[in-house]
């Protein structure tokens, strides 16, 4: 990164939107100056400039809720940034996952989007389980048993989906499909594949089909 290309404002700051790399949830909006931007690049964790305290701020220095940087992007004018991170804890000082928690407008279309957001939330929970391995958690059990156990469960759940469909049992089909999706997300995590990468494949297929139709 050529830091001389960054267009800091009159106070020497640039707004930085912090986003969860896996769930794509916007976690917070903070500001960086030249020094905090350089420290972020050097350490691989987010550093900001506190306007209220007039000092550098290493996210998680006191709380332990650091944010590992996977990618940093700036906009076309080089005067705003998006930082994709893997946080080790809540982003908000209130203990909430994100600083953006109060809804002031909600459309009918948002209901549809919210329905699918559970997949990203589930992916995040599975990732947390893999890292933390809480005792007694079923997801921990799967990761500790390894890929063979996970594949066995996917086979079993696939069979259950087939049986439910053959029996025309819609309620059972919904439950078994949910189990299958959960175990598939566990497998993707075990293999190091993000769910967003699967979605990109679907998007690419759709684009190719649209282009040739």
Protein backbone atom coordinates (compact mmCIF):
# COMPACT_ATOMS: atom_id res chain seq x y z
CA UNK A 1 0.00 0.00 0.00
CA UNK A 2 1.25 3.45 -0.90
CA UNK A 3 0.24 5.43 2.16
CA UNK A 4 0.94 8.69 0.34
CA UNK A 5 -2.10 7.88 -1.83
CA UNK A 6 -4.42 7.95 1.18
CA UNK A 7 -6.47 11.14 1.33
CA UNK A 8 -6.67 11.99 5.03
CA UNK A 9 -9.11 14.75 5.96
CA UNK A 10 -8.17 18.13 7.42
CA UNK A 11 -7.65 16.47 10.80
CA UNK A 12 -5.36 13.82 9.36
CA UNK A 13 -7.99 11.08 9.64
CA UNK A 14 -9.70 8.58 7.36
CA UNK A 15 -12.94 6.70 8.25
CA UNK A 16 -12.53 2.93 8.50
CA UNK A 17 -15.52 0.59 8.27
CA UNK A 18 -14.74 -2.67 10.06
CA UNK A 19 -16.53 -5.73 8.69
CA UNK A 20 -16.56 -9.37 9.79
CA UNK A 21 -14.75 -11.29 7.05
CA UNK A 22 -16.96 -14.38 7.38
CA UNK A 23 -20.44 -13.08 8.17
CA UNK A 24 -19.98 -9.73 6.33
CA UNK A 25 -21.64 -7.98 9.28
CA UNK A 26 -20.54 -4.37 9.74
CA UNK A 27 -18.96 -4.25 13.19
CA UNK A 28 -18.01 -0.62 13.72
CA UNK A 29 -16.97 2.67 12.17
CA UNK A 30 -13.72 4.10 13.49
CA UNK A 31 -11.02 6.50 12.32
CA UNK A 32 -7.37 6.04 11.45
CA UNK A 33 -4.52 8.49 11.16
CA UNK A 34 -1.27 7.80 9.36
CA UNK A 35 0.38 6.16 12.36
CA UNK A 36 -2.53 3.85 13.24
CA UNK A 37 -2.86 2.79 9.61
CA UNK A 38 0.82 1.87 9.49
CA UNK A 39 0.57 -0.01 12.80
CA UNK A 40 -2.45 -1.92 11.50
CA UNK A 41 -0.48 -3.01 8.45
CA UNK A 42 2.59 -3.91 10.51
CA UNK A 43 0.81 -5.90 13.25
CA UNK A 44 -2.08 -7.40 11.28
CA UNK A 45 -4.55 -6.14 13.90
CA UNK A 46 -6.70 -3.01 13.91
CA UNK A 47 -5.34 0.22 15.37
CA UNK A 48 -7.40 3.40 15.35
CA UNK A 49 -7.18 7.01 16.45
CA UNK A 50 -9.53 8.00 19.26
CA UNK A 51 -10.91 11.46 18.57
CA UNK A 52 -12.29 11.79 22.10
CA UNK A 53 -9.03 10.80 23.81
CA UNK A 54 -6.77 12.22 21.10
CA UNK A 55 -4.56 9.13 21.09
CA UNK A 56 -3.84 5.88 19.27
CA UNK A 57 -6.10 2.97 20.15
CA UNK A 58 -5.26 -0.72 19.68
CA UNK A 59 -8.61 -2.53 19.46
CA UNK A 60 -8.77 -5.19 22.19
CA UNK A 61 -5.72 -3.95 24.11
CA UNK A 62 -7.68 -3.93 27.38
CA UNK A 63 -10.69 -6.14 26.56
CA UNK A 64 -8.83 -8.82 24.62
CA UNK A 65 -11.33 -8.45 21.76
CA UNK A 66 -8.76 -7.92 19.04
CA UNK A 67 -9.52 -7.89 15.32
CA UNK A 68 -7.24 -9.86 13.02
CA UNK A 69 -7.04 -8.15 9.63
CA UNK A 70 -7.58 -10.31 6.56
CA UNK A 71 -7.94 -7.55 4.01
CA UNK A 72 -7.99 -3.77 3.74
CA UNK A 73 -9.62 -1.87 0.90
CA UNK A 74 -10.11 1.77 0.12
CA UNK A 75 -12.72 3.41 -2.05
CA UNK A 76 -12.21 4.94 -5.49
CA UNK A 77 -11.31 8.33 -3.97
CA UNK A 78 -8.88 6.83 -1.43
CA UNK A 79 -10.63 8.73 1.39
CA UNK A 80 -12.47 5.86 3.13
CA UNK A 81 -11.55 2.28 4.03
CA UNK A 82 -13.17 -1.11 4.58
CA UNK A 83 -11.31 -3.55 6.81
CA UNK A 84 -12.25 -7.24 6.73
CA UNK A 85 -11.43 -8.84 10.07
CA UNK A 86 -11.74 -11.97 12.18
CA UNK A 87 -12.64 -10.64 15.64
CA UNK A 88 -11.83 -12.57 18.80
CA UNK A 89 -14.79 -11.06 20.63
CA UNK A 90 -17.50 -8.38 20.52
CA UNK A 91 -16.74 -5.21 18.59
CA UNK A 92 -18.90 -2.89 20.69
CA UNK A 93 -17.97 -1.63 24.16
CA UNK A 94 -21.49 -2.66 25.28
CA UNK A 95 -20.63 -6.30 24.68
CA UNK A 96 -22.65 -6.53 21.47
CA UNK A 97 -21.16 -8.20 18.41
CA UNK A 98 -21.63 -5.02 16.38
CA UNK A 99 -21.95 -1.34 17.21
CA UNK A 100 -24.89 -1.17 14.77
CA UNK A 101 -27.75 -2.69 16.77
CA UNK A 102 -30.60 -0.20 16.74
CA UNK A 103 -32.88 -0.49 13.71
CA UNK A 104 -34.51 2.78 12.62
CA UNK A 105 -36.04 1.57 9.35
CA UNK A 106 -37.08 -1.90 8.26
CA UNK A 107 -38.58 -2.78 4.86
CA UNK A 108 -40.40 -5.91 3.75
CA UNK A 109 -37.39 -6.80 1.60
CA UNK A 110 -35.25 -6.79 4.74
CA UNK A 111 -37.34 -9.64 6.12
CA UNK A 112 -36.24 -11.82 3.22
CA UNK A 113 -32.58 -10.88 3.66
CA UNK A 114 -32.82 -11.59 7.40
CA UNK A 115 -34.10 -15.09 6.69
CA UNK A 116 -30.84 -16.01 4.99
CA UNK A 117 -28.58 -14.21 7.45
CA UNK A 118 -29.01 -17.16 9.83
CA UNK A 119 -26.64 -19.13 7.57
CA UNK A 120 -23.89 -16.58 8.12
CA UNK A 121 -24.63 -16.47 11.84
CA UNK A 122 -24.44 -20.26 12.01
CA UNK A 123 -21.16 -20.23 10.09
CA UNK A 124 -19.73 -17.81 12.65
CA UNK A 125 -20.87 -19.94 15.58
CA UNK A 126 -19.28 -23.01 14.01
CA UNK A 127 -16.02 -21.09 13.49
CA UNK A 128 -16.08 -20.00 17.14
CA UNK A 129 -16.65 -23.59 18.24
CA UNK A 130 -13.67 -24.79 16.21
CA UNK A 131 -11.37 -22.17 17.74
CA UNK A 132 -12.61 -22.38 21.34
CA UNK A 133 -13.63 -26.08 21.54
CA UNK A 134 -16.08 -25.64 24.46
CA UNK A 135 -16.48 -28.89 26.38
CA UNK A 136 -19.76 -30.71 25.81
CA UNK A 137 -20.67 -28.90 22.57
CA UNK A 138 -21.75 -31.16 19.71
CA UNK A 139 -19.79 -29.08 17.20
CA UNK A 140 -16.65 -29.53 19.30
CA UNK A 141 -17.28 -33.28 19.23
CA UNK A 142 -17.46 -33.27 15.44
CA UNK A 143 -14.21 -31.32 15.02
CA UNK A 144 -12.39 -33.54 17.50
CA UNK A 145 -13.58 -36.72 15.75
CA UNK A 146 -12.43 -35.33 12.42
CA UNK A 147 -13.45 -35.35 8.78
CA UNK A 148 -14.52 -39.00 8.64
CA UNK A 149 -17.13 -38.46 11.36
CA UNK A 150 -18.38 -35.27 9.71
CA UNK A 151 -18.69 -37.02 6.34
CA UNK A 152 -20.54 -39.92 8.00
CA UNK A 153 -23.06 -37.47 9.46
CA UNK A 154 -23.54 -35.77 6.10
CA UNK A 155 -24.25 -39.16 4.56
CA UNK A 156 -26.76 -39.99 7.29
CA UNK A 157 -28.53 -36.64 7.04
CA UNK A 158 -28.64 -36.86 3.23
CA UNK A 159 -30.37 -40.23 3.55
CA UNK A 160 -32.85 -38.76 6.03
CA UNK A 161 -33.64 -35.96 3.59
CA UNK A 162 -34.28 -38.51 0.83
CA UNK A 163 -36.56 -40.58 3.08
CA UNK A 164 -38.54 -37.53 4.20
CA UNK A 165 -39.00 -36.44 0.58
CA UNK A 166 -40.08 -39.92 -0.53
CA UNK A 167 -42.61 -39.99 2.32
CA UNK A 168 -43.93 -36.56 1.33
CA UNK A 169 -43.38 -35.45 4.92
CA UNK A 170 -42.83 -31.70 4.60
CA UNK A 171 -42.24 -31.12 8.31
CA UNK A 172 -39.67 -33.89 8.54
CA UNK A 173 -38.05 -32.67 5.33
CA UNK A 174 -37.54 -29.20 6.84
CA UNK A 175 -35.88 -30.61 9.96
CA UNK A 176 -33.64 -33.04 8.11
CA UNK A 177 -32.64 -30.38 5.57
CA UNK A 178 -31.64 -28.08 8.43
CA UNK A 179 -29.48 -30.88 9.89
CA UNK A 180 -27.86 -31.46 6.50
CA UNK A 181 -27.06 -27.77 6.02
CA UNK A 182 -25.56 -27.53 9.52
CA UNK A 183 -23.26 -30.51 8.94
CA UNK A 184 -22.28 -29.16 5.52
CA UNK A 185 -21.22 -25.88 7.15
CA UNK A 186 -19.16 -27.85 9.66
CA UNK A 187 -17.47 -29.69 6.79
CA UNK A 188 -16.73 -26.44 4.95
CA UNK A 189 -15.11 -25.07 8.10
CA UNK A 190 -13.06 -28.23 8.58
CA UNK A 191 -11.87 -27.93 4.98
CA UNK A 192 -11.11 -24.21 5.28
CA UNK A 193 -13.78 -23.14 2.77
CA UNK A 194 -15.95 -20.11 3.48
CA UNK A 195 -19.66 -20.30 2.73
CA UNK A 196 -19.25 -17.05 0.77
CA UNK A 197 -16.94 -18.92 -1.62
CA UNK A 198 -19.73 -21.40 -2.35
CA UNK A 199 -22.10 -18.53 -2.98
CA UNK A 200 -19.60 -17.01 -5.41
CA UNK A 201 -19.63 -20.26 -7.40
CA UNK A 202 -23.42 -20.08 -7.61
CA UNK A 203 -23.23 -16.43 -8.67
CA UNK A 204 -20.68 -17.24 -11.36
CA UNK A 205 -22.83 -20.09 -12.67
CA UNK A 206 -25.83 -17.79 -12.77
CA UNK A 207 -23.87 -15.11 -14.63
CA UNK A 208 -22.60 -17.63 -17.18
CA UNK A 209 -26.08 -19.04 -17.71
CA UNK A 210 -27.54 -15.57 -18.12
CA UNK A 211 -24.82 -14.61 -20.59
CA UNK A 212 -25.41 -17.67 -22.78
CA UNK A 213 -29.21 -17.72 -22.63
